[in-house]
Protein backbone atom coordinates (compact mmCIF):
# COMPACT_ATOMS: atom_id res chain seq x y z
CA UNK A 1 48.11 -36.65 -42.43
CA UNK A 2 45.35 -35.29 -44.85
CA UNK A 3 42.02 -38.04 -45.04
CA UNK A 4 41.84 -37.31 -48.27
CA UNK A 5 44.30 -37.93 -51.45
CA UNK A 6 44.79 -35.03 -52.24
CA UNK A 7 48.84 -34.82 -52.89
CA UNK A 8 50.69 -33.24 -49.90
CA UNK A 9 53.48 -30.79 -50.33
CA UNK A 10 55.87 -33.06 -49.14
CA UNK A 11 54.11 -35.44 -52.34
CA UNK A 12 54.27 -32.62 -54.89
CA UNK A 13 57.79 -31.10 -54.10
CA UNK A 14 59.09 -34.86 -54.60
CA UNK A 15 57.45 -35.41 -58.04
CA UNK A 16 58.94 -32.50 -59.21
CA UNK A 17 62.25 -34.52 -58.72
CA UNK A 18 61.95 -35.83 -62.07
CA UNK A 19 61.71 -33.40 -63.90
CA UNK A 20 65.20 -30.91 -65.22
CA UNK A 21 65.41 -28.00 -62.81
CA UNK A 22 65.58 -25.08 -65.57
CA UNK A 23 69.06 -23.56 -64.38
CA UNK A 24 71.24 -22.98 -61.03
CA UNK A 25 69.20 -21.20 -58.17
CA UNK A 26 71.16 -18.86 -55.36
CA UNK A 27 71.27 -21.36 -51.89
CA UNK A 28 69.01 -19.13 -50.03
CA UNK A 29 70.95 -16.60 -47.97
CA UNK A 30 71.57 -18.39 -44.48
CA UNK A 31 72.97 -16.87 -41.52
CA UNK A 32 76.44 -18.70 -42.39
CA UNK A 33 79.52 -16.76 -41.69
CA UNK A 34 82.24 -16.02 -44.60
CA UNK A 35 85.04 -18.23 -45.22
CA UNK A 36 87.85 -18.13 -42.84
CA UNK A 37 90.90 -19.81 -41.61
CA UNK A 38 90.63 -22.82 -39.61
CA UNK A 39 91.47 -21.75 -35.89
CA UNK A 40 92.04 -25.73 -34.98
CA UNK A 41 91.88 -29.11 -36.58
CA UNK A 42 91.70 -31.80 -35.17
CA UNK A 43 93.94 -35.46 -35.56
CA UNK A 44 93.52 -36.93 -38.56
CA UNK A 45 91.25 -39.78 -37.87
CA UNK A 46 90.24 -42.43 -40.52
CA UNK A 47 86.10 -42.33 -40.65
CA UNK A 48 84.45 -44.68 -39.68
CA UNK A 49 82.21 -46.75 -41.91
CA UNK A 50 81.70 -50.03 -40.00
CA UNK A 51 80.71 -52.81 -42.16
CA UNK A 52 78.16 -52.74 -45.24
CA UNK A 53 76.02 -55.28 -46.25
CA UNK A 54 76.14 -54.75 -50.09
CA UNK A 55 72.60 -55.65 -50.88
CA UNK A 56 71.22 -52.35 -48.17
CA UNK A 57 71.13 -49.35 -50.43
CA UNK A 58 71.24 -47.74 -47.75
CA UNK A 59 74.31 -46.01 -45.64
CA UNK A 60 73.53 -43.83 -42.03
CA UNK A 61 76.87 -42.46 -40.67
CA UNK A 62 76.85 -40.30 -37.42
CA UNK A 63 79.34 -38.64 -35.26
CA UNK A 64 78.56 -39.02 -31.42
CA UNK A 65 81.66 -39.58 -29.69
CA UNK A 66 84.51 -37.46 -28.40
CA UNK A 67 86.79 -39.06 -31.27
CA UNK A 68 84.13 -38.22 -33.71
CA UNK A 69 84.41 -34.45 -33.08
CA UNK A 70 87.71 -34.77 -33.54
CA UNK A 71 87.41 -35.65 -36.80
CA UNK A 72 86.13 -32.74 -38.39
CA UNK A 73 87.68 -28.92 -38.05
CA UNK A 74 86.14 -26.31 -35.60
CA UNK A 75 86.01 -22.94 -35.65
CA UNK A 76 85.30 -21.22 -32.05
CA UNK A 77 83.81 -24.43 -31.02
CA UNK A 78 84.86 -27.28 -29.03
CA UNK A 79 84.14 -31.04 -27.87
CA UNK A 80 83.41 -31.90 -24.95
CA UNK A 81 83.83 -34.98 -23.10
CA UNK A 82 81.71 -36.76 -21.20
CA UNK A 83 79.00 -39.92 -20.60
CA UNK A 84 77.40 -38.22 -23.95
CA UNK A 85 80.33 -35.91 -25.54
CA UNK A 86 78.67 -32.71 -27.46
CA UNK A 87 80.05 -29.70 -29.63
CA UNK A 88 79.39 -26.46 -28.02
CA UNK A 89 81.11 -23.03 -28.29
CA UNK A 90 84.10 -22.38 -27.24
CA UNK A 91 85.12 -18.73 -28.31
CA UNK A 92 82.88 -17.47 -30.44
CA UNK A 93 84.76 -17.30 -34.04
CA UNK A 94 82.88 -13.82 -34.80
CA UNK A 95 79.16 -12.61 -35.51
CA UNK A 96 76.43 -11.96 -38.13
CA UNK A 97 73.20 -10.73 -38.70
CA UNK A 98 70.30 -12.73 -39.46
CA UNK A 99 66.76 -11.44 -40.77
CA UNK A 100 64.16 -14.34 -39.49
CA UNK A 101 62.09 -15.06 -42.64
CA UNK A 102 59.12 -15.59 -41.14
CA UNK A 103 59.03 -12.33 -38.21
CA UNK A 104 61.25 -10.04 -40.44
CA UNK A 105 63.19 -9.46 -37.44
CA UNK A 106 66.81 -8.61 -37.90
CA UNK A 107 69.72 -9.60 -34.99
CA UNK A 108 73.05 -10.18 -34.38
CA UNK A 109 74.25 -13.05 -33.34
CA UNK A 110 77.59 -14.61 -32.20
CA UNK A 111 79.13 -18.10 -33.55
CA UNK A 112 81.16 -21.00 -33.81
CA UNK A 113 81.35 -24.11 -36.33
CA UNK A 114 82.20 -27.60 -36.81
CA UNK A 115 83.05 -28.95 -40.33
CA UNK A 116 82.72 -32.51 -40.26
CA UNK A 117 85.33 -35.21 -42.80
CA UNK A 118 84.68 -35.73 -45.80
CA UNK A 119 82.07 -38.88 -45.82
CA UNK A 120 82.15 -41.78 -48.36
CA UNK A 121 79.12 -43.24 -48.91
CA UNK A 122 79.71 -47.15 -49.64
CA UNK A 123 76.48 -47.19 -51.81
CA UNK A 124 76.53 -43.75 -53.82
CA UNK A 125 73.33 -41.84 -53.20
CA UNK A 126 70.44 -40.53 -54.99
CA UNK A 127 69.01 -38.88 -51.63
CA UNK A 128 70.45 -37.79 -48.52
CA UNK A 129 69.22 -36.51 -45.08
CA UNK A 130 70.75 -34.96 -42.12
CA UNK A 131 69.33 -35.36 -38.69
CA UNK A 132 70.98 -33.97 -35.68
CA UNK A 133 70.56 -34.66 -31.52
CA UNK A 134 70.81 -31.26 -29.79
CA UNK A 135 69.94 -28.72 -26.94
CA UNK A 136 69.60 -25.43 -27.52
CA UNK A 137 68.53 -23.19 -24.19
CA UNK A 138 66.87 -19.92 -24.78
CA UNK A 139 68.99 -17.63 -26.83
CA UNK A 140 70.84 -20.05 -28.77
CA UNK A 141 70.32 -22.15 -32.22
CA UNK A 142 71.89 -24.06 -34.79
CA UNK A 143 72.06 -24.46 -38.25
CA UNK A 144 72.89 -27.75 -40.37
CA UNK A 145 74.62 -28.14 -43.68
CA UNK A 146 75.61 -30.74 -46.04
CA UNK A 147 77.96 -30.04 -49.06
CA UNK A 148 78.02 -33.12 -50.97
CA UNK A 149 80.92 -34.68 -54.14
CA UNK A 150 79.02 -35.65 -57.14
CA UNK A 151 80.02 -39.26 -58.52
CA UNK A 152 82.04 -37.04 -61.08
CA UNK A 153 84.09 -34.95 -58.61
CA UNK A 154 82.36 -32.37 -58.43
CA UNK A 155 80.95 -30.56 -55.54
CA UNK A 156 77.16 -29.39 -54.59
CA UNK A 157 76.73 -25.64 -52.52
CA UNK A 158 76.57 -25.85 -49.16
CA UNK A 159 72.76 -26.71 -48.47
CA UNK A 160 70.97 -25.55 -45.70
CA UNK A 161 68.98 -28.61 -43.64
CA UNK A 162 67.76 -26.81 -41.21
CA UNK A 163 67.62 -23.89 -38.94
CA UNK A 164 66.74 -25.55 -35.59
CA UNK A 165 66.16 -24.60 -32.05
CA UNK A 166 63.89 -26.39 -29.73
CA UNK A 167 61.54 -23.33 -28.33
CA UNK A 168 60.10 -20.76 -31.12
CA UNK A 169 61.19 -17.66 -29.77
CA UNK A 170 64.52 -16.22 -30.69
CA UNK A 171 63.85 -17.17 -34.34
CA UNK A 172 61.29 -19.60 -36.36
CA UNK A 173 62.08 -23.09 -36.60
CA UNK A 174 62.77 -23.30 -41.10
CA UNK A 175 63.95 -24.94 -43.70
CA UNK A 176 65.18 -23.62 -46.66
CA UNK A 177 63.44 -23.18 -50.16
CA UNK A 178 65.26 -22.73 -53.65
CA UNK A 179 68.26 -24.15 -52.81
CA UNK A 180 69.50 -25.86 -56.05
CA UNK A 181 72.47 -26.20 -59.07
CA UNK A 182 70.81 -27.36 -61.28
CA UNK A 183 71.88 -30.94 -60.50
CA UNK A 184 70.43 -31.35 -56.97
CA UNK A 185 67.89 -29.58 -55.06
CA UNK A 186 66.73 -29.56 -51.36
CA UNK A 187 63.08 -30.57 -50.58
CA UNK A 188 62.44 -29.69 -47.29
CA UNK A 189 64.14 -31.92 -45.70
CA UNK A 190 65.96 -34.01 -48.22
CA UNK A 191 68.73 -33.89 -50.87
CA UNK A 192 67.92 -35.21 -54.00
CA UNK A 193 69.27 -36.03 -57.29
CA UNK A 194 67.72 -34.42 -59.93
CA UNK A 195 67.36 -36.68 -62.80
CA UNK A 196 68.63 -39.92 -60.98
CA UNK A 197 68.52 -41.85 -64.73
CA UNK A 198 71.46 -39.72 -65.71
CA UNK A 199 74.06 -42.27 -63.61
CA UNK A 200 74.36 -39.00 -61.10
CA UNK A 201 74.76 -40.02 -57.88
CA UNK A 202 76.50 -38.88 -54.96
CA UNK A 203 79.43 -40.26 -54.03
CA UNK A 204 80.03 -38.22 -50.41
CA UNK A 205 79.56 -35.62 -48.16
CA UNK A 206 80.63 -33.13 -45.22
CA UNK A 207 78.68 -31.79 -42.66
CA UNK A 208 78.49 -28.72 -40.93
CA UNK A 209 77.13 -27.45 -38.04
CA UNK A 210 76.92 -23.82 -36.99
CA UNK A 211 75.78 -22.44 -33.26
CA UNK A 212 74.82 -19.37 -32.07
CA UNK A 213 74.08 -17.25 -29.38
CA UNK A 214 72.80 -13.42 -28.25
CA UNK A 215 76.58 -11.71 -28.24
CA UNK A 216 77.85 -11.38 -24.90
CA UNK A 217 76.69 -14.49 -22.81
CA UNK A 218 77.76 -17.91 -22.08
CA UNK A 219 75.01 -19.52 -23.83
CA UNK A 220 75.55 -22.75 -25.88
CA UNK A 221 74.29 -25.10 -28.13
CA UNK A 222 74.85 -28.80 -26.78
CA UNK A 223 75.34 -30.64 -30.20
CA UNK A 224 75.32 -34.68 -28.90
CA UNK A 225 75.12 -36.42 -32.82
CA UNK A 226 75.45 -35.07 -36.11
CA UNK A 227 74.40 -37.63 -39.05
CA UNK A 228 73.01 -38.34 -42.69
CA UNK A 229 71.54 -41.40 -44.36
CA UNK A 230 72.44 -41.73 -48.12
CA UNK A 231 70.66 -44.43 -50.09
CA UNK A 232 70.05 -45.25 -53.57
CA UNK A 233 66.65 -47.25 -53.06
CA UNK A 234 65.50 -48.47 -57.09
CA UNK A 235 62.36 -46.98 -57.94
CA UNK A 236 59.78 -49.88 -57.75
CA UNK A 237 56.07 -50.30 -57.12
CA UNK A 238 56.08 -53.13 -55.34
CA UNK A 239 58.35 -55.14 -52.75
CA UNK A 240 59.39 -58.41 -52.46
CA UNK A 241 57.48 -60.48 -49.70
CA UNK A 242 59.20 -60.83 -46.38
CA UNK A 243 58.55 -63.98 -44.38
CA UNK A 244 57.87 -63.58 -40.76
CA UNK A 245 60.61 -63.88 -38.12
CA UNK A 246 58.14 -64.52 -35.24
CA UNK A 247 57.19 -64.76 -32.19
CA UNK A 248 54.63 -62.13 -31.86
CA UNK A 249 55.32 -59.12 -29.43
CA UNK A 250 53.60 -56.10 -28.84
CA UNK A 251 55.17 -53.00 -27.18
CA UNK A 252 53.10 -51.25 -24.43
CA UNK A 253 53.03 -47.62 -26.42
CA UNK A 254 50.90 -45.02 -25.41
CA UNK A 255 48.01 -44.31 -27.89
CA UNK A 256 47.49 -40.65 -29.18
CA UNK A 257 45.26 -40.17 -31.80
CA UNK A 258 45.83 -36.81 -33.83
CA UNK A 259 41.82 -36.79 -34.78
CA UNK A 260 40.59 -35.72 -31.31
CA UNK A 261 43.08 -32.38 -32.13
CA UNK A 262 41.12 -31.68 -35.33
CA UNK A 263 40.72 -27.90 -34.99
CA UNK A 264 43.13 -26.87 -32.30
CA UNK A 265 46.01 -24.65 -32.82
CA UNK A 266 45.17 -23.93 -37.03
CA UNK A 267 48.57 -21.95 -36.87
CA UNK A 268 50.62 -25.07 -36.78
CA UNK A 269 49.43 -26.85 -39.92
CA UNK A 270 45.80 -26.47 -40.11
CA UNK A 271 45.36 -28.22 -36.46
CA UNK A 272 45.38 -31.33 -35.04
CA UNK A 273 44.04 -33.79 -38.25
CA UNK A 274 47.70 -32.95 -39.67
CA UNK A 275 49.50 -33.86 -36.93
CA UNK A 276 50.49 -37.51 -37.83
CA UNK A 277 54.00 -37.06 -36.96
CA UNK A 278 54.21 -35.34 -33.84
CA UNK A 279 51.65 -37.62 -32.52
CA UNK A 280 53.11 -40.81 -33.65
CA UNK A 281 56.89 -39.07 -32.01
CA UNK A 282 54.50 -38.15 -28.37
CA UNK A 283 53.47 -41.72 -28.21
CA UNK A 284 57.19 -43.23 -28.64
CA UNK A 285 58.96 -40.50 -26.64
CA UNK A 286 56.53 -41.48 -23.86
CA UNK A 287 57.17 -45.26 -24.12
CA UNK A 288 60.96 -44.63 -23.51
CA UNK A 289 59.41 -41.92 -20.36
CA UNK A 290 59.68 -38.87 -21.74
CA UNK A 291 57.53 -36.42 -19.73
CA UNK A 292 56.75 -32.53 -20.16
CA UNK A 293 56.67 -30.29 -17.21
CA UNK A 294 53.02 -28.85 -16.11
CA UNK A 295 55.58 -25.37 -17.11
CA UNK A 296 55.89 -26.64 -20.55
CA UNK A 297 52.43 -27.80 -21.16
CA UNK A 298 50.56 -24.22 -19.54
CA UNK A 299 50.23 -22.84 -22.87
CA UNK A 300 47.77 -25.26 -23.81
CA UNK A 301 44.16 -24.77 -23.36
CA UNK A 302 43.14 -26.23 -20.13
CA UNK A 303 40.21 -28.01 -22.28
CA UNK A 304 42.03 -29.59 -24.35
CA UNK A 305 42.73 -33.90 -24.02
CA UNK A 306 46.32 -34.86 -24.88
CA UNK A 307 48.18 -31.39 -24.10
CA UNK A 308 51.23 -33.30 -25.09
CA UNK A 309 50.20 -33.81 -28.60
CA UNK A 310 49.51 -29.79 -28.98
CA UNK A 311 53.24 -29.27 -27.63
CA UNK A 312 54.57 -31.39 -30.21
CA UNK A 313 53.11 -30.04 -32.91
CA UNK A 314 54.35 -26.71 -32.06
CA UNK A 315 57.76 -27.98 -31.10
CA UNK A 316 57.88 -29.77 -34.48
CA UNK A 317 56.20 -27.00 -36.92
CA UNK A 318 58.38 -25.84 -40.16
CA UNK A 319 57.70 -22.72 -40.39
CA UNK A 320 58.82 -22.89 -43.98
CA UNK A 321 57.11 -26.10 -44.89
CA UNK A 322 54.38 -24.89 -43.13
CA UNK A 323 53.82 -27.95 -41.27
CA UNK A 324 54.93 -30.42 -38.56
CA UNK A 325 55.73 -33.32 -41.27
CA UNK A 326 59.81 -31.96 -41.42
CA UNK A 327 61.85 -35.38 -40.56
CA UNK A 328 64.73 -34.31 -38.83
CA UNK A 329 62.73 -31.68 -37.11
CA UNK A 330 60.65 -34.92 -35.33
CA UNK A 331 63.89 -36.91 -34.73
CA UNK A 332 65.62 -33.51 -32.97
CA UNK A 333 62.37 -32.69 -31.09
CA UNK A 334 62.54 -36.94 -29.32
CA UNK A 335 65.96 -35.86 -28.50
CA UNK A 336 65.00 -33.06 -26.27
CA UNK A 337 64.07 -35.30 -24.17
CA UNK A 338 66.52 -36.12 -21.40
CA UNK A 339 68.67 -39.26 -22.15
CA UNK A 340 67.08 -39.75 -25.85
CA UNK A 341 68.18 -39.93 -29.16
CA UNK A 342 66.73 -39.92 -32.69
CA UNK A 343 67.75 -39.96 -36.36
CA UNK A 344 66.23 -40.14 -39.85
CA UNK A 345 67.22 -43.25 -41.59
CA UNK A 346 65.84 -46.00 -44.18
CA UNK A 347 65.04 -49.60 -43.67
CA UNK A 348 64.99 -52.19 -46.20
CA UNK A 349 62.27 -55.05 -44.93
CA UNK A 350 59.78 -55.55 -42.05
CA UNK A 351 62.24 -58.28 -41.33
CA UNK A 352 64.87 -55.08 -39.93
CA UNK A 353 61.29 -53.89 -38.03
CA UNK A 354 61.52 -57.08 -36.13
CA UNK A 355 64.73 -56.81 -35.25
CA UNK A 356 63.55 -53.44 -33.32
CA UNK A 357 60.47 -54.78 -32.06
CA UNK A 358 62.47 -57.89 -30.81
CA UNK A 359 64.66 -55.56 -28.91
CA UNK A 360 62.34 -53.36 -27.51
CA UNK A 361 62.30 -50.56 -29.72
CA UNK A 362 59.08 -48.95 -31.59
CA UNK A 363 59.59 -47.13 -34.76
CA UNK A 364 57.92 -44.62 -36.76
CA UNK A 365 57.26 -45.58 -40.90
CA UNK A 366 56.28 -42.86 -43.11
CA UNK A 367 53.90 -44.39 -46.42
CA UNK A 368 51.33 -43.12 -48.60
CA UNK A 369 48.15 -45.54 -50.01
CA UNK A 370 44.72 -45.67 -51.29
CA UNK A 371 41.83 -46.13 -49.21
CA UNK A 372 42.05 -50.12 -50.94
CA UNK A 373 45.52 -50.20 -50.64
CA UNK A 374 45.59 -50.57 -46.32
CA UNK A 375 42.99 -53.22 -45.32
CA UNK A 376 40.89 -51.63 -42.09
CA UNK A 377 42.73 -48.25 -42.24
CA UNK A 378 39.64 -46.61 -43.52
CA UNK A 379 41.03 -43.95 -45.75
CA UNK A 380 43.76 -43.01 -48.04
CA UNK A 381 46.39 -40.48 -47.56
CA UNK A 382 49.39 -38.81 -49.77
CA UNK A 383 51.77 -39.38 -46.77
CA UNK A 384 51.03 -40.26 -43.39
CA UNK A 385 53.02 -41.39 -40.08
CA UNK A 386 52.43 -44.03 -37.55
CA UNK A 387 53.98 -45.90 -35.06
CA UNK A 388 54.59 -49.78 -35.83
CA UNK A 389 54.81 -50.85 -32.14
CA UNK A 390 54.49 -55.08 -32.40
CA UNK A 391 53.61 -58.13 -34.51
CA UNK A 392 51.46 -61.18 -34.44
CA UNK A 393 52.25 -64.78 -34.43
CA UNK A 394 51.22 -64.27 -38.33
CA UNK A 395 53.55 -61.50 -38.89
CA UNK A 396 51.21 -58.69 -39.33
CA UNK A 397 51.34 -55.57 -38.53
CA UNK A 398 50.27 -54.28 -35.27
CA UNK A 399 50.62 -49.94 -35.23
CA UNK A 400 49.57 -47.48 -33.26
CA UNK A 401 47.71 -45.14 -36.09
CA UNK A 402 47.03 -41.40 -35.29
CA UNK A 403 44.48 -41.17 -38.06
CA UNK A 404 42.01 -43.04 -35.86
CA UNK A 405 38.95 -41.17 -33.94
CA UNK A 406 39.76 -41.45 -30.57
CA UNK A 407 42.48 -42.94 -27.93
CA UNK A 408 40.92 -46.14 -27.81
CA UNK A 409 41.37 -46.93 -31.39
CA UNK A 410 44.37 -45.91 -32.23
CA UNK A 411 45.43 -49.61 -31.70
CA UNK A 412 45.16 -51.98 -35.34
CA UNK A 413 46.61 -54.94 -37.01
CA UNK A 414 47.46 -53.92 -40.59
CA UNK A 415 48.16 -57.23 -43.20
CA UNK A 416 51.98 -57.73 -43.67
CA UNK A 417 51.69 -57.91 -47.15
CA UNK A 418 49.94 -54.68 -47.83
CA UNK A 419 51.91 -52.78 -44.89
CA UNK A 420 55.30 -53.61 -45.94
CA UNK A 421 54.39 -52.66 -49.72
CA UNK A 422 52.88 -49.11 -49.30
CA UNK A 423 55.97 -48.21 -47.12
CA UNK A 424 58.74 -49.98 -48.84
CA UNK A 425 57.95 -48.95 -52.58
CA UNK A 426 58.90 -45.56 -54.01
CA UNK A 427 56.41 -45.51 -56.53
CA UNK A 428 52.83 -45.79 -56.62
CA UNK A 429 49.37 -45.00 -57.90
CA UNK A 430 46.90 -42.12 -56.55
CA UNK A 431 43.75 -41.73 -57.22
CA UNK A 432 43.61 -39.65 -60.29
CA UNK A 433 45.98 -42.87 -61.59
CA UNK A 434 48.59 -40.82 -61.98
CA UNK A 435 51.98 -42.15 -60.83
CA UNK A 436 52.77 -40.19 -57.22
CA UNK A 437 56.10 -41.21 -54.41
CA UNK A 438 56.74 -43.47 -52.25
CA UNK A 439 58.67 -42.99 -49.07
CA UNK A 440 61.01 -45.97 -49.90
CA UNK A 441 61.22 -46.93 -46.05
CA UNK A 442 61.66 -44.01 -44.02
CA UNK A 443 61.65 -44.15 -40.85
CA UNK A 444 62.10 -42.66 -37.47
CA UNK A 445 63.89 -44.40 -34.59
CA UNK A 446 64.01 -43.23 -30.92
CA UNK A 447 66.24 -44.74 -28.65
CA UNK A 448 68.05 -44.69 -25.15
CA UNK A 449 71.65 -42.70 -24.95
CA UNK A 450 72.61 -45.75 -23.42
CA UNK A 451 71.13 -48.44 -25.00
CA UNK A 452 70.97 -52.07 -24.12
CA UNK A 453 73.59 -54.45 -25.31
CA UNK A 454 70.81 -56.02 -27.68
CA UNK A 455 69.37 -52.60 -28.33
CA UNK A 456 72.84 -51.81 -30.06
CA UNK A 457 73.03 -55.21 -31.49
CA UNK A 458 69.76 -54.63 -32.99
CA UNK A 459 70.10 -51.01 -34.14
CA UNK A 460 73.68 -52.08 -35.81
CA UNK A 461 71.73 -54.46 -37.82
CA UNK A 462 70.19 -51.93 -39.74
CA UNK A 463 72.95 -49.51 -39.89
CA UNK A 464 72.39 -47.07 -37.14
CA UNK A 465 75.07 -46.88 -34.59
């Protein structure tokens, strides 16, 4: 987050979506293998949609169970049963070269793939965001792709939604620019219809995972969750007000300031002043008991306070976006901690957040606003993440806001009506009086691999299973 009202790169890209793309652009070259015959097809299993609230213009669907994996097609991959079923490399389907665009180094990798079933969206979407949970030991990485089916029956290309590894020694974690077919475009981590006013929508999609490892080894990524959120949130400058659900509750979430890291490790998005996303992520990771070891933190200057925040920034940094605010990369980082899951979705109201807080689940929200639009913040921003940890008796929002001068100052109380509007709207006026974008309720949710019955119900109530 920048304290200024200067447009962030994500804001500039999102604003550009309203303009028609001049012509089809070749999808950036991937390390994806050439098409080949299926080596194993699981039994035909109907996709599980669950109940859908027609008033909720958001659909989040994930594949996490042993049966889920068998809804897809395996090429060199297999499903592994257990308390937390996963996808892994069995016998590689082949090998391929990948030239890292950020280092220029070319290396050979064995690969295996899983292609998910066609998922039909209950509400045809203008945007889709994939997110995943995986372990990638040194010597492994993965690629996530999404192919949409338009409402006219034609298909998008296979779009790369991320090339990801928990570390940064084998490849540089990256999104892929310049992906468009003239009708939809990938903006960092979001696939968006170029001209929603045309009526064109994504009616369905499928996901593809490609798992990579060093040739001749038995290493493998382990993917425990893959999913995507499709949404058609209507354009709006204001959203309806909600009534507080009560009672007051505040979760004991650790408090970390991004500002105390200003100037530290400028190679990661110019240092701590821009680290709202990883700082927020680290707060919730530690709320759930996630801890980094001294060995993992050994690279951080010992004079720096809260070295885990520096580690989170490094571990979420997107070398193409040149920032730590890639939404799925943050969720994937959270899920590298034992028995923790992370997803990116959209919520529809502060009532949704109250449901989660009541079940002990904090949330990370994305918002943008003028200094005058959020009383007590003391700054304006074109894009900022903060952690919602509770509600007062009057229904106001208690947030751990990392854009604070110290850890002690992180806890804030923001007026309910102001907060819900800056978070849920899709359009706003910036400091220059121009129309800019809002996140439309984007939210990161991190929760246990084995949630309690109350937490399961709360997650289901906001569309996450």
